Each structure stands twice: as C-alpha cells, then as structure tokens.
C-alpha cells in the first residue's frame, strides 16, 4: 500500500516538475518527488527487516538533506529574482559564468562608487 502511495506522490511531483514553469513550483515538485523516495525507503525498510531502525534513521537523514536543499533553492531563487525580476524557468540563463560576471560587475560598480565618494 505504501509503495502505491509513493508511486502516486512521485507521479504528481514528476508531472508538476514537467508542466510548471515557475521556479518555486518546480522546486516544490522536486521536493514532492524526493519525499516519495523517502516513503519508499521507509516502506522497504519495514518490509525487509521490521525490527531494524537503520532504514528509518536513513530516512530521517534524507529528510534533513531535503531541508537543506529547500534552503539552497530559496537562496538561488532569491538571487535569480534579484538579477532578472522573474522566476520563470524558461527565462533563466543557467550559466554560472553569467552569474559570476554579473556579481563581479556589481562589486566593481560598488568599489567605483566608494572610491568616487572618498575623493
């Protein structure tokens, strides 16, 4: 029964990740898919060795990793929104070099402003 629930939740997450174009919804869809994986892990752990808590402990560690992934996704989304004023996935340039150059140019502009203010 848990495996069917896990399959249903994973399918909902996959459909959301493929059909949505807003970054927040895509991140939520990935989280839903990973939650389905955790349910699947707990179900297999209970089925294969009912008295052993190792599978449950591993599921807790995975949930902790999911929380850190959510925080990282929100931070990246905030940075992208600052640069482009939009969170639509189709508008992003997934280039770390582009973000690096943008942050360097902003830093150089701040330095120039500070230098001109000191003179």
N, C-alpha and C. Protein backbone atom coordinates (compact mmCIF):
# COMPACT_ATOMS: atom_id res chain seq x y z
N UNK A 1 0.82 -1.19 0.00
CA UNK A 1 0.00 0.00 0.00
C UNK A 1 0.87 1.27 0.00
N UNK A 2 1.94 1.24 0.82
CA UNK A 2 2.82 2.41 0.87
C UNK A 2 3.56 2.61 -0.46
N UNK A 3 3.85 1.51 -1.13
CA UNK A 3 4.54 1.64 -2.41
C UNK A 3 3.63 2.29 -3.46
N UNK A 4 2.35 1.97 -3.42
CA UNK A 4 1.42 2.62 -4.34
C UNK A 4 1.26 4.11 -4.01
N UNK A 5 1.22 4.42 -2.73
CA UNK A 5 1.17 5.82 -2.31
C UNK A 5 2.42 6.56 -2.77
N UNK A 6 3.56 5.91 -2.61
CA UNK A 6 4.82 6.51 -3.05
C UNK A 6 4.83 6.74 -4.56
N UNK A 7 4.33 5.78 -5.30
CA UNK A 7 4.26 5.92 -6.76
C UNK A 7 3.34 7.07 -7.15
N UNK A 8 2.20 7.19 -6.48
CA UNK A 8 1.27 8.27 -6.78
C UNK A 8 1.89 9.63 -6.47
N UNK A 9 2.53 9.75 -5.32
CA UNK A 9 3.16 11.02 -4.94
C UNK A 9 4.30 11.37 -5.89
N UNK A 10 5.09 10.37 -6.27
CA UNK A 10 6.19 10.62 -7.20
C UNK A 10 5.65 11.07 -8.56
N UNK A 11 4.55 10.45 -9.01
CA UNK A 11 3.96 10.83 -10.29
C UNK A 11 3.43 12.26 -10.26
N UNK A 12 2.83 12.65 -9.15
CA UNK A 12 2.34 14.02 -9.02
C UNK A 12 3.51 15.01 -9.07
N UNK A 13 4.58 14.68 -8.36
CA UNK A 13 5.76 15.54 -8.38
C UNK A 13 6.40 15.63 -9.76
N UNK A 14 6.48 14.50 -10.46
CA UNK A 14 7.06 14.49 -11.80
C UNK A 14 6.21 15.32 -12.77
N UNK A 15 4.90 15.18 -12.68
CA UNK A 15 4.02 15.97 -13.54
C UNK A 15 4.18 17.46 -13.24
N UNK A 16 4.28 17.80 -11.97
CA UNK A 16 4.46 19.20 -11.61
C UNK A 16 5.78 19.76 -12.11
N UNK A 17 6.84 18.95 -12.03
CA UNK A 17 8.15 19.42 -12.49
C UNK A 17 8.19 19.60 -14.00
N UNK A 18 7.47 18.76 -14.72
CA UNK A 18 7.49 18.85 -16.18
C UNK A 18 6.53 19.89 -16.74
N UNK A 19 5.44 20.14 -16.03
CA UNK A 19 4.41 21.02 -16.58
C UNK A 19 4.50 22.46 -16.10
N UNK A 20 5.11 22.70 -14.96
CA UNK A 20 5.17 24.06 -14.43
C UNK A 20 6.40 24.79 -14.96
N UNK A 21 6.30 26.11 -15.03
CA UNK A 21 7.42 26.92 -15.50
C UNK A 21 7.90 27.90 -14.44
N UNK A 22 7.25 27.95 -13.31
CA UNK A 22 7.66 28.85 -12.24
C UNK A 22 8.64 28.10 -11.34
N UNK A 23 9.74 28.76 -11.00
CA UNK A 23 10.82 28.09 -10.27
C UNK A 23 10.36 27.53 -8.93
N UNK A 24 9.51 28.25 -8.23
CA UNK A 24 9.05 27.79 -6.92
C UNK A 24 8.26 26.49 -7.05
N UNK A 25 7.38 26.42 -8.04
CA UNK A 25 6.60 25.21 -8.24
C UNK A 25 7.48 24.03 -8.67
N UNK A 26 8.49 24.30 -9.47
CA UNK A 26 9.40 23.23 -9.89
C UNK A 26 10.17 22.71 -8.68
N UNK A 27 10.63 23.61 -7.80
CA UNK A 27 11.34 23.17 -6.60
C UNK A 27 10.42 22.36 -5.68
N UNK A 28 9.17 22.81 -5.53
CA UNK A 28 8.23 22.05 -4.72
C UNK A 28 7.98 20.67 -5.32
N UNK A 29 7.92 20.61 -6.63
CA UNK A 29 7.70 19.32 -7.29
C UNK A 29 8.87 18.37 -7.05
N UNK A 30 10.09 18.90 -7.09
CA UNK A 30 11.24 18.05 -6.78
C UNK A 30 11.20 17.58 -5.34
N UNK A 31 10.77 18.44 -4.44
CA UNK A 31 10.66 18.04 -3.04
C UNK A 31 9.60 16.96 -2.86
N UNK A 32 8.51 17.07 -3.58
CA UNK A 32 7.47 16.04 -3.52
C UNK A 32 8.02 14.71 -4.02
N UNK A 33 8.78 14.76 -5.10
CA UNK A 33 9.35 13.52 -5.63
C UNK A 33 10.33 12.90 -4.64
N UNK A 34 11.16 13.71 -4.01
CA UNK A 34 12.11 13.17 -3.04
C UNK A 34 11.40 12.67 -1.78
N UNK A 35 10.29 13.28 -1.41
CA UNK A 35 9.51 12.77 -0.29
C UNK A 35 8.93 11.40 -0.61
N UNK A 36 8.55 11.21 -1.85
CA UNK A 36 8.06 9.89 -2.27
C UNK A 36 9.18 8.85 -2.17
N UNK A 37 10.39 9.24 -2.47
CA UNK A 37 11.53 8.33 -2.34
C UNK A 37 11.74 7.96 -0.87
N UNK A 38 11.57 8.92 0.03
CA UNK A 38 11.73 8.64 1.47
C UNK A 38 10.64 7.68 1.94
N UNK A 39 9.41 7.87 1.47
CA UNK A 39 8.33 6.94 1.83
C UNK A 39 8.65 5.55 1.31
N UNK A 40 9.17 5.48 0.10
CA UNK A 40 9.54 4.19 -0.49
C UNK A 40 10.64 3.52 0.33
N UNK A 41 11.63 4.29 0.75
CA UNK A 41 12.71 3.76 1.57
C UNK A 41 12.19 3.22 2.91
N UNK A 42 11.30 3.98 3.54
CA UNK A 42 10.74 3.53 4.82
C UNK A 42 9.89 2.27 4.63
N UNK A 43 9.16 2.19 3.53
CA UNK A 43 8.34 1.00 3.27
C UNK A 43 9.21 -0.23 3.06
N UNK A 44 10.27 -0.10 2.27
CA UNK A 44 11.17 -1.24 2.06
C UNK A 44 11.89 -1.62 3.34
N UNK A 45 12.25 -0.65 4.15
CA UNK A 45 12.91 -0.94 5.42
C UNK A 45 11.98 -1.72 6.35
N UNK A 46 10.73 -1.32 6.41
CA UNK A 46 9.76 -2.02 7.27
C UNK A 46 9.46 -3.42 6.74
N UNK A 47 9.49 -3.58 5.43
CA UNK A 47 9.19 -4.88 4.84
C UNK A 47 10.35 -5.85 4.97
N UNK A 48 11.57 -5.39 4.71
CA UNK A 48 12.71 -6.30 4.69
C UNK A 48 13.20 -6.68 6.09
N UNK A 49 13.21 -5.72 7.00
CA UNK A 49 13.69 -6.00 8.36
C UNK A 49 12.88 -5.16 9.34
N UNK A 50 11.74 -5.68 9.80
CA UNK A 50 10.82 -4.87 10.61
C UNK A 50 11.41 -4.36 11.93
N UNK A 51 12.34 -5.06 12.54
CA UNK A 51 12.85 -4.65 13.83
C UNK A 51 14.06 -3.74 13.77
N UNK A 52 14.60 -3.52 12.59
CA UNK A 52 15.84 -2.76 12.45
C UNK A 52 15.53 -1.29 12.12
N UNK A 53 16.00 -0.35 12.94
CA UNK A 53 15.67 1.06 12.70
C UNK A 53 16.62 1.77 11.72
N UNK A 54 17.56 1.04 11.10
CA UNK A 54 18.53 1.71 10.23
C UNK A 54 17.87 2.40 9.04
N UNK A 55 16.87 1.79 8.46
CA UNK A 55 16.18 2.41 7.33
C UNK A 55 15.44 3.68 7.74
N UNK A 56 14.85 3.66 8.93
CA UNK A 56 14.16 4.85 9.42
C UNK A 56 15.14 5.98 9.72
N UNK A 57 16.29 5.63 10.27
CA UNK A 57 17.31 6.64 10.56
C UNK A 57 17.83 7.24 9.25
N UNK A 58 18.04 6.40 8.25
CA UNK A 58 18.47 6.89 6.95
C UNK A 58 17.42 7.81 6.34
N UNK A 59 16.15 7.47 6.51
CA UNK A 59 15.07 8.33 6.01
C UNK A 59 15.10 9.69 6.71
N UNK A 60 15.40 9.71 8.00
CA UNK A 60 15.50 10.98 8.72
C UNK A 60 16.66 11.82 8.20
N UNK A 61 17.79 11.18 7.91
CA UNK A 61 18.92 11.92 7.35
C UNK A 61 18.58 12.48 5.97
N UNK A 62 17.86 11.71 5.18
CA UNK A 62 17.46 12.19 3.86
C UNK A 62 16.51 13.38 4.00
N UNK A 63 15.62 13.34 4.98
CA UNK A 63 14.72 14.47 5.19
C UNK A 63 15.50 15.71 5.62
N UNK A 64 16.55 15.53 6.40
CA UNK A 64 17.41 16.67 6.74
C UNK A 64 18.10 17.24 5.52
N UNK A 65 18.54 16.37 4.62
CA UNK A 65 19.14 16.84 3.37
C UNK A 65 18.11 17.57 2.52
N UNK A 66 16.86 17.12 2.56
CA UNK A 66 15.80 17.81 1.82
C UNK A 66 15.60 19.23 2.35
N UNK A 67 15.68 19.38 3.65
CA UNK A 67 15.53 20.72 4.22
C UNK A 67 16.65 21.65 3.78
N UNK A 68 17.86 21.13 3.77
CA UNK A 68 18.97 21.98 3.31
C UNK A 68 18.84 22.30 1.83
N UNK A 69 18.30 21.36 1.06
CA UNK A 69 18.08 21.61 -0.36
C UNK A 69 17.02 22.70 -0.56
N UNK A 70 16.00 22.69 0.26
CA UNK A 70 14.97 23.74 0.17
C UNK A 70 15.59 25.10 0.44
N UNK A 71 16.41 25.18 1.48
CA UNK A 71 17.04 26.47 1.80
C UNK A 71 17.95 26.94 0.67
N UNK A 72 18.70 26.02 0.09
CA UNK A 72 19.58 26.38 -1.02
C UNK A 72 18.77 26.82 -2.23
N UNK A 73 17.67 26.14 -2.51
CA UNK A 73 16.82 26.52 -3.63
C UNK A 73 16.20 27.89 -3.45
N UNK A 74 15.79 28.20 -2.23
CA UNK A 74 15.23 29.52 -1.95
C UNK A 74 16.29 30.60 -2.12
N UNK A 75 17.51 30.32 -1.67
CA UNK A 75 18.60 31.29 -1.82
C UNK A 75 18.93 31.53 -3.29
N UNK A 76 18.97 30.46 -4.07
CA UNK A 76 19.24 30.61 -5.51
C UNK A 76 18.09 31.37 -6.18
N UNK A 77 16.86 31.04 -5.80
CA UNK A 77 15.71 31.74 -6.36
C UNK A 77 15.73 33.22 -6.03
N UNK A 78 16.14 33.55 -4.82
CA UNK A 78 16.23 34.96 -4.42
C UNK A 78 17.28 35.68 -5.26
N UNK A 79 18.41 35.02 -5.47
CA UNK A 79 19.50 35.63 -6.26
C UNK A 79 19.06 35.82 -7.72
N UNK A 80 18.39 34.83 -8.27
CA UNK A 80 17.93 34.94 -9.65
C UNK A 80 16.87 36.03 -9.77
N UNK A 81 15.97 36.12 -8.79
CA UNK A 81 14.93 37.14 -8.83
C UNK A 81 15.54 38.54 -8.75
N UNK A 82 16.60 38.69 -7.97
CA UNK A 82 17.28 39.99 -7.91
C UNK A 82 17.86 40.38 -9.26
N UNK A 83 18.37 39.40 -9.99
CA UNK A 83 19.02 39.69 -11.27
C UNK A 83 18.04 39.87 -12.42
N UNK A 84 16.92 39.14 -12.41
CA UNK A 84 16.05 39.16 -13.59
C UNK A 84 14.62 39.61 -13.30
N UNK A 85 14.24 39.81 -12.06
CA UNK A 85 12.88 40.20 -11.67
C UNK A 85 11.82 39.21 -12.15
N UNK A 86 12.19 37.97 -12.32
CA UNK A 86 11.24 36.94 -12.71
C UNK A 86 11.74 35.59 -12.22
N UNK A 87 10.81 34.70 -11.94
CA UNK A 87 11.18 33.35 -11.52
C UNK A 87 10.71 32.30 -12.53
N UNK A 88 10.44 32.72 -13.75
CA UNK A 88 10.04 31.76 -14.78
C UNK A 88 11.27 31.00 -15.25
N UNK A 89 11.15 29.68 -15.27
CA UNK A 89 12.28 28.82 -15.60
C UNK A 89 12.74 29.05 -17.04
N UNK A 90 11.84 29.32 -17.94
CA UNK A 90 12.22 29.47 -19.35
C UNK A 90 13.05 30.72 -19.59
N UNK A 91 13.03 31.68 -18.68
CA UNK A 91 13.78 32.92 -18.87
C UNK A 91 15.18 32.88 -18.30
N UNK A 92 15.51 31.83 -17.56
CA UNK A 92 16.81 31.78 -16.88
C UNK A 92 17.92 31.44 -17.84
N UNK A 93 19.07 32.00 -17.57
CA UNK A 93 20.28 31.57 -18.23
C UNK A 93 21.03 30.74 -17.19
N UNK A 94 21.04 29.43 -17.39
CA UNK A 94 21.67 28.57 -16.41
C UNK A 94 23.17 28.51 -16.67
N UNK A 95 23.80 29.62 -16.45
CA UNK A 95 25.23 29.71 -16.66
C UNK A 95 25.86 30.31 -15.41
N UNK A 96 26.68 29.52 -14.75
CA UNK A 96 27.34 30.04 -13.55
C UNK A 96 28.30 31.16 -13.92
N UNK A 97 28.87 31.09 -15.10
CA UNK A 97 29.75 32.15 -15.55
C UNK A 97 29.01 33.47 -15.68
N UNK A 98 27.77 33.40 -16.16
CA UNK A 98 26.95 34.60 -16.29
C UNK A 98 26.69 35.22 -14.92
N UNK A 99 26.34 34.39 -13.95
CA UNK A 99 26.10 34.91 -12.60
C UNK A 99 27.38 35.44 -11.98
N UNK A 100 28.50 34.78 -12.26
CA UNK A 100 29.78 35.22 -11.71
C UNK A 100 30.16 36.58 -12.29
N UNK A 101 30.02 36.74 -13.60
CA UNK A 101 30.34 38.02 -14.23
C UNK A 101 29.43 39.12 -13.71
N UNK A 102 28.16 38.80 -13.53
CA UNK A 102 27.21 39.79 -13.03
C UNK A 102 27.58 40.22 -11.62
N UNK A 103 27.93 39.27 -10.76
CA UNK A 103 28.29 39.64 -9.39
C UNK A 103 29.60 40.41 -9.36
N UNK A 104 30.53 40.07 -10.25
CA UNK A 104 31.79 40.82 -10.30
C UNK A 104 31.55 42.25 -10.77
N UNK A 105 30.68 42.43 -11.77
CA UNK A 105 30.44 43.78 -12.27
C UNK A 105 29.72 44.62 -11.22
N UNK A 106 28.82 44.01 -10.45
CA UNK A 106 28.14 44.74 -9.38
C UNK A 106 29.15 45.13 -8.31
N UNK A 107 30.07 44.21 -7.99
CA UNK A 107 31.10 44.51 -7.00
C UNK A 107 32.02 45.63 -7.46
N UNK A 108 32.38 45.61 -8.75
CA UNK A 108 33.24 46.67 -9.28
C UNK A 108 32.52 48.01 -9.28
N UNK A 109 31.21 48.01 -9.57
CA UNK A 109 30.45 49.25 -9.53
C UNK A 109 30.42 49.82 -8.11
N UNK A 110 30.25 48.94 -7.13
CA UNK A 110 30.24 49.39 -5.73
C UNK A 110 31.59 49.99 -5.35
N UNK A 111 32.67 49.35 -5.79
CA UNK A 111 34.01 49.87 -5.49
C UNK A 111 34.22 51.23 -6.14
N UNK A 112 33.75 51.39 -7.38
CA UNK A 112 33.90 52.67 -8.06
C UNK A 112 33.10 53.76 -7.35
N UNK A 113 31.92 53.42 -6.87
CA UNK A 113 31.10 54.40 -6.15
C UNK A 113 31.78 54.79 -4.84
N UNK A 114 32.33 53.79 -4.15
CA UNK A 114 33.02 54.08 -2.89
C UNK A 114 34.25 54.94 -3.12
N UNK A 115 35.01 54.64 -4.19
CA UNK A 115 36.21 55.43 -4.49
C UNK A 115 35.85 56.86 -4.86
N UNK A 116 34.79 57.03 -5.64
CA UNK A 116 34.41 58.38 -6.04
C UNK A 116 33.86 59.16 -4.85
N UNK A 117 33.27 58.47 -3.90
CA UNK A 117 32.76 59.14 -2.70
C UNK A 117 33.87 59.56 -1.76
N UNK A 118 34.99 58.85 -1.79
CA UNK A 118 36.10 59.18 -0.91
C UNK A 118 36.92 60.34 -1.44
N UNK A 119 36.87 60.60 -2.72
CA UNK A 119 37.67 61.67 -3.33
C UNK A 119 37.03 63.01 -3.17
